Amino acid sequence: MTVTSTAEAVGKNVRITNILRVKRGLSQAKRNEFQIALYDELVPKACKTNLENAAFEKGLYYTFLYFNTYGEKLAEFIVNKRACGRV
């Protein structure tokens, strides 16, 4: 469950930070599994959304960050033109 979600622009990067209510101390394997599932779901959608976005063509990119309420990083990935080329 998402507790908070924020977005901020830093230059050409839009950083989207999500805080989730997830138990403390997830194993690296579980965090990797979570990151892969998120990546597979979000990247194609973000790429499709930015298909005709001129700013995306000029270097706009997104950083998705996920933390639990204890401050532990669960996932981080970047969606840019290069990542969209792999989808």
N, C-alpha and C. Protein backbone atom coordinates (compact mmCIF):
# COMPACT_ATOMS: atom_id res chain seq x y z
N MET A 1 0.84 -1.17 0.00
CA MET A 1 0.00 0.00 0.00
C MET A 1 0.89 1.24 0.00
N THR A 2 0.59 2.20 -0.86
CA THR A 2 1.36 3.45 -0.94
C THR A 2 0.96 4.38 0.19
N VAL A 3 1.96 4.86 0.92
CA VAL A 3 1.73 5.81 2.00
C VAL A 3 1.83 7.22 1.45
N THR A 4 2.92 7.50 0.71
CA THR A 4 3.07 8.81 0.07
C THR A 4 3.73 8.64 -1.29
N SER A 5 3.51 9.62 -2.11
CA SER A 5 4.10 9.65 -3.44
C SER A 5 4.40 11.10 -3.76
N THR A 6 5.65 11.38 -4.17
CA THR A 6 6.03 12.74 -4.53
C THR A 6 6.80 12.72 -5.84
N ALA A 7 6.79 13.85 -6.51
CA ALA A 7 7.56 14.00 -7.75
C ALA A 7 8.24 15.36 -7.71
N GLU A 8 9.48 15.38 -8.17
CA GLU A 8 10.21 16.64 -8.25
C GLU A 8 11.06 16.63 -9.51
N ALA A 9 11.23 17.79 -10.09
CA ALA A 9 12.06 17.93 -11.28
C ALA A 9 13.42 18.46 -10.88
N VAL A 10 14.45 17.80 -11.36
CA VAL A 10 15.83 18.22 -11.13
C VAL A 10 16.49 18.20 -12.50
N GLY A 11 16.58 19.38 -13.13
CA GLY A 11 17.09 19.45 -14.50
C GLY A 11 16.15 18.70 -15.42
N LYS A 12 16.69 17.74 -16.17
CA LYS A 12 15.87 16.95 -17.10
C LYS A 12 15.33 15.68 -16.46
N ASN A 13 15.56 15.52 -15.17
CA ASN A 13 15.12 14.33 -14.45
C ASN A 13 13.86 14.63 -13.65
N VAL A 14 12.85 13.81 -13.84
CA VAL A 14 11.66 13.86 -12.98
C VAL A 14 11.80 12.68 -12.02
N ARG A 15 11.98 12.99 -10.75
CA ARG A 15 12.20 11.96 -9.74
C ARG A 15 10.90 11.70 -9.00
N ILE A 16 10.43 10.47 -9.10
CA ILE A 16 9.18 10.07 -8.48
C ILE A 16 9.52 9.13 -7.32
N THR A 17 9.18 9.57 -6.12
CA THR A 17 9.50 8.80 -4.92
C THR A 17 8.21 8.29 -4.30
N ASN A 18 8.18 7.00 -4.04
CA ASN A 18 7.02 6.36 -3.43
C ASN A 18 7.42 5.70 -2.13
N ILE A 19 6.64 5.94 -1.10
CA ILE A 19 6.85 5.29 0.20
C ILE A 19 5.74 4.26 0.36
N LEU A 20 6.13 3.01 0.58
CA LEU A 20 5.17 1.91 0.67
C LEU A 20 5.15 1.32 2.07
N ARG A 21 4.01 0.85 2.46
CA ARG A 21 3.89 0.15 3.73
C ARG A 21 4.25 -1.31 3.48
N VAL A 22 5.51 -1.62 3.71
CA VAL A 22 6.07 -2.95 3.49
C VAL A 22 6.93 -3.27 4.71
N LYS A 23 6.97 -4.54 5.09
CA LYS A 23 7.71 -4.90 6.29
C LYS A 23 9.20 -4.56 6.18
N ARG A 24 9.81 -4.41 7.31
CA ARG A 24 11.23 -4.08 7.42
C ARG A 24 12.07 -5.32 7.11
N GLY A 25 13.24 -5.07 6.50
CA GLY A 25 14.23 -6.13 6.33
C GLY A 25 13.93 -7.14 5.25
N LEU A 26 13.33 -6.71 4.13
CA LEU A 26 13.12 -7.65 3.03
C LEU A 26 14.47 -8.13 2.49
N SER A 27 14.53 -9.37 2.10
CA SER A 27 15.78 -9.92 1.57
C SER A 27 16.10 -9.27 0.22
N GLN A 28 17.36 -9.34 -0.16
CA GLN A 28 17.78 -8.80 -1.45
C GLN A 28 17.03 -9.50 -2.59
N ALA A 29 16.79 -10.78 -2.45
CA ALA A 29 16.06 -11.52 -3.48
C ALA A 29 14.64 -10.98 -3.64
N LYS A 30 13.97 -10.69 -2.53
CA LYS A 30 12.61 -10.14 -2.59
C LYS A 30 12.62 -8.73 -3.18
N ARG A 31 13.63 -7.92 -2.83
CA ARG A 31 13.72 -6.57 -3.39
C ARG A 31 13.97 -6.65 -4.90
N ASN A 32 14.83 -7.55 -5.33
CA ASN A 32 15.09 -7.74 -6.77
C ASN A 32 13.83 -8.17 -7.50
N GLU A 33 13.09 -9.09 -6.91
CA GLU A 33 11.84 -9.57 -7.51
C GLU A 33 10.84 -8.41 -7.64
N PHE A 34 10.75 -7.59 -6.60
CA PHE A 34 9.86 -6.43 -6.60
C PHE A 34 10.27 -5.43 -7.69
N GLN A 35 11.57 -5.15 -7.78
CA GLN A 35 12.06 -4.20 -8.78
C GLN A 35 11.79 -4.69 -10.19
N ILE A 36 12.02 -5.94 -10.46
CA ILE A 36 11.79 -6.50 -11.80
C ILE A 36 10.31 -6.41 -12.16
N ALA A 37 9.44 -6.75 -11.22
CA ALA A 37 7.99 -6.70 -11.49
C ALA A 37 7.55 -5.26 -11.77
N LEU A 38 8.04 -4.31 -10.98
CA LEU A 38 7.70 -2.90 -11.20
C LEU A 38 8.20 -2.43 -12.55
N TYR A 39 9.46 -2.74 -12.85
CA TYR A 39 10.06 -2.33 -14.11
C TYR A 39 9.24 -2.85 -15.29
N ASP A 40 8.89 -4.13 -15.23
CA ASP A 40 8.12 -4.74 -16.32
C ASP A 40 6.74 -4.11 -16.48
N GLU A 41 6.18 -3.60 -15.40
CA GLU A 41 4.86 -2.98 -15.48
C GLU A 41 4.93 -1.51 -15.88
N LEU A 42 5.87 -0.76 -15.31
CA LEU A 42 5.90 0.68 -15.50
C LEU A 42 6.61 1.16 -16.76
N VAL A 43 7.70 0.53 -17.13
CA VAL A 43 8.50 1.03 -18.25
C VAL A 43 7.71 1.05 -19.56
N PRO A 44 7.04 -0.03 -19.93
CA PRO A 44 6.27 0.05 -21.20
C PRO A 44 5.21 1.16 -21.18
N LYS A 45 4.57 1.36 -20.04
CA LYS A 45 3.55 2.41 -19.94
C LYS A 45 4.18 3.80 -20.06
N ALA A 46 5.30 4.01 -19.36
CA ALA A 46 5.98 5.30 -19.43
C ALA A 46 6.50 5.57 -20.84
N CYS A 47 7.01 4.55 -21.49
CA CYS A 47 7.52 4.72 -22.85
C CYS A 47 6.39 5.05 -23.81
N LYS A 48 5.27 4.37 -23.67
CA LYS A 48 4.12 4.64 -24.53
C LYS A 48 3.60 6.05 -24.31
N THR A 49 3.54 6.48 -23.06
CA THR A 49 3.07 7.82 -22.72
C THR A 49 3.96 8.90 -23.33
N ASN A 50 5.26 8.64 -23.39
CA ASN A 50 6.22 9.64 -23.87
C ASN A 50 6.62 9.45 -25.32
N LEU A 51 5.89 8.61 -26.03
CA LEU A 51 6.21 8.30 -27.42
C LEU A 51 6.35 9.54 -28.29
N GLU A 52 5.48 10.52 -28.10
CA GLU A 52 5.52 11.73 -28.92
C GLU A 52 5.87 12.97 -28.10
N ASN A 53 6.52 12.79 -26.99
CA ASN A 53 6.91 13.88 -26.10
C ASN A 53 8.26 14.45 -26.57
N ALA A 54 8.25 15.68 -27.06
CA ALA A 54 9.48 16.30 -27.57
C ALA A 54 10.54 16.42 -26.48
N ALA A 55 10.12 16.67 -25.25
CA ALA A 55 11.09 16.78 -24.15
C ALA A 55 11.79 15.45 -23.90
N PHE A 56 11.09 14.35 -24.06
CA PHE A 56 11.68 13.02 -23.90
C PHE A 56 12.75 12.80 -24.96
N GLU A 57 12.46 13.25 -26.15
CA GLU A 57 13.44 13.16 -27.25
C GLU A 57 14.68 13.99 -26.95
N LYS A 58 14.53 15.07 -26.19
CA LYS A 58 15.64 15.97 -25.88
C LYS A 58 16.34 15.63 -24.57
N GLY A 59 16.01 14.49 -23.97
CA GLY A 59 16.75 14.05 -22.79
C GLY A 59 15.98 13.98 -21.49
N LEU A 60 14.69 14.29 -21.48
CA LEU A 60 13.89 14.13 -20.28
C LEU A 60 13.93 12.66 -19.87
N TYR A 61 14.06 12.40 -18.58
CA TYR A 61 14.00 11.03 -18.10
C TYR A 61 13.40 10.99 -16.70
N TYR A 62 13.00 9.81 -16.29
CA TYR A 62 12.33 9.61 -15.01
C TYR A 62 13.14 8.67 -14.15
N THR A 63 13.23 8.99 -12.87
CA THR A 63 13.82 8.08 -11.90
C THR A 63 12.71 7.68 -10.94
N PHE A 64 12.45 6.40 -10.86
CA PHE A 64 11.44 5.88 -9.93
C PHE A 64 12.16 5.31 -8.71
N LEU A 65 11.78 5.79 -7.54
CA LEU A 65 12.36 5.34 -6.28
C LEU A 65 11.26 4.80 -5.38
N TYR A 66 11.53 3.68 -4.74
CA TYR A 66 10.58 3.07 -3.82
C TYR A 66 11.28 2.76 -2.51
N PHE A 67 10.69 3.22 -1.43
CA PHE A 67 11.20 2.99 -0.08
C PHE A 67 10.06 2.42 0.76
N ASN A 68 10.42 1.74 1.85
CA ASN A 68 9.39 1.38 2.81
C ASN A 68 9.33 2.48 3.88
N THR A 69 8.40 2.37 4.79
CA THR A 69 8.21 3.41 5.80
C THR A 69 9.38 3.47 6.79
N TYR A 70 10.28 2.50 6.73
CA TYR A 70 11.47 2.48 7.59
C TYR A 70 12.68 3.11 6.91
N GLY A 71 12.50 3.60 5.68
CA GLY A 71 13.57 4.25 4.94
C GLY A 71 14.47 3.32 4.16
N GLU A 72 14.12 2.05 4.09
CA GLU A 72 14.91 1.09 3.33
C GLU A 72 14.52 1.16 1.85
N LYS A 73 15.52 1.25 0.98
CA LYS A 73 15.24 1.32 -0.46
C LYS A 73 14.80 -0.05 -0.97
N LEU A 74 13.66 -0.06 -1.64
CA LEU A 74 13.12 -1.29 -2.20
C LEU A 74 13.44 -1.44 -3.67
N ALA A 75 13.45 -0.32 -4.38
CA ALA A 75 13.70 -0.38 -5.83
C ALA A 75 14.07 1.01 -6.33
N GLU A 76 14.84 1.02 -7.41
CA GLU A 76 15.18 2.26 -8.12
C GLU A 76 15.47 1.91 -9.56
N PHE A 77 14.87 2.65 -10.48
CA PHE A 77 15.18 2.46 -11.88
C PHE A 77 14.89 3.73 -12.66
N ILE A 78 15.51 3.81 -13.82
CA ILE A 78 15.41 4.99 -14.69
C ILE A 78 14.68 4.61 -15.97
N VAL A 79 13.79 5.50 -16.38
CA VAL A 79 13.11 5.35 -17.67
C VAL A 79 13.57 6.51 -18.54
N ASN A 80 14.29 6.17 -19.60
CA ASN A 80 14.77 7.17 -20.54
C ASN A 80 14.62 6.61 -21.96
N LYS A 81 15.07 7.37 -22.93
CA LYS A 81 14.94 6.94 -24.32
C LYS A 81 15.62 5.59 -24.54
N ARG A 82 16.76 5.39 -23.93
CA ARG A 82 17.50 4.13 -24.07
C ARG A 82 16.71 2.95 -23.52
N ALA A 83 16.13 3.13 -22.32
CA ALA A 83 15.33 2.06 -21.72
C ALA A 83 14.12 1.73 -22.60
N CYS A 84 13.56 2.74 -23.22
CA CYS A 84 12.40 2.53 -24.10
C CYS A 84 12.78 1.78 -25.36
N GLY A 85 14.02 1.89 -25.77
CA GLY A 85 14.50 1.15 -26.94
C GLY A 85 14.56 -0.34 -26.70
N ARG A 86 14.60 -0.74 -25.44
CA ARG A 86 14.66 -2.16 -25.09
C ARG A 86 13.29 -2.78 -24.92
N VAL A 87 12.25 -1.95 -24.89
CA VAL A 87 10.89 -2.46 -24.62
C VAL A 87 10.27 -2.98 -25.89
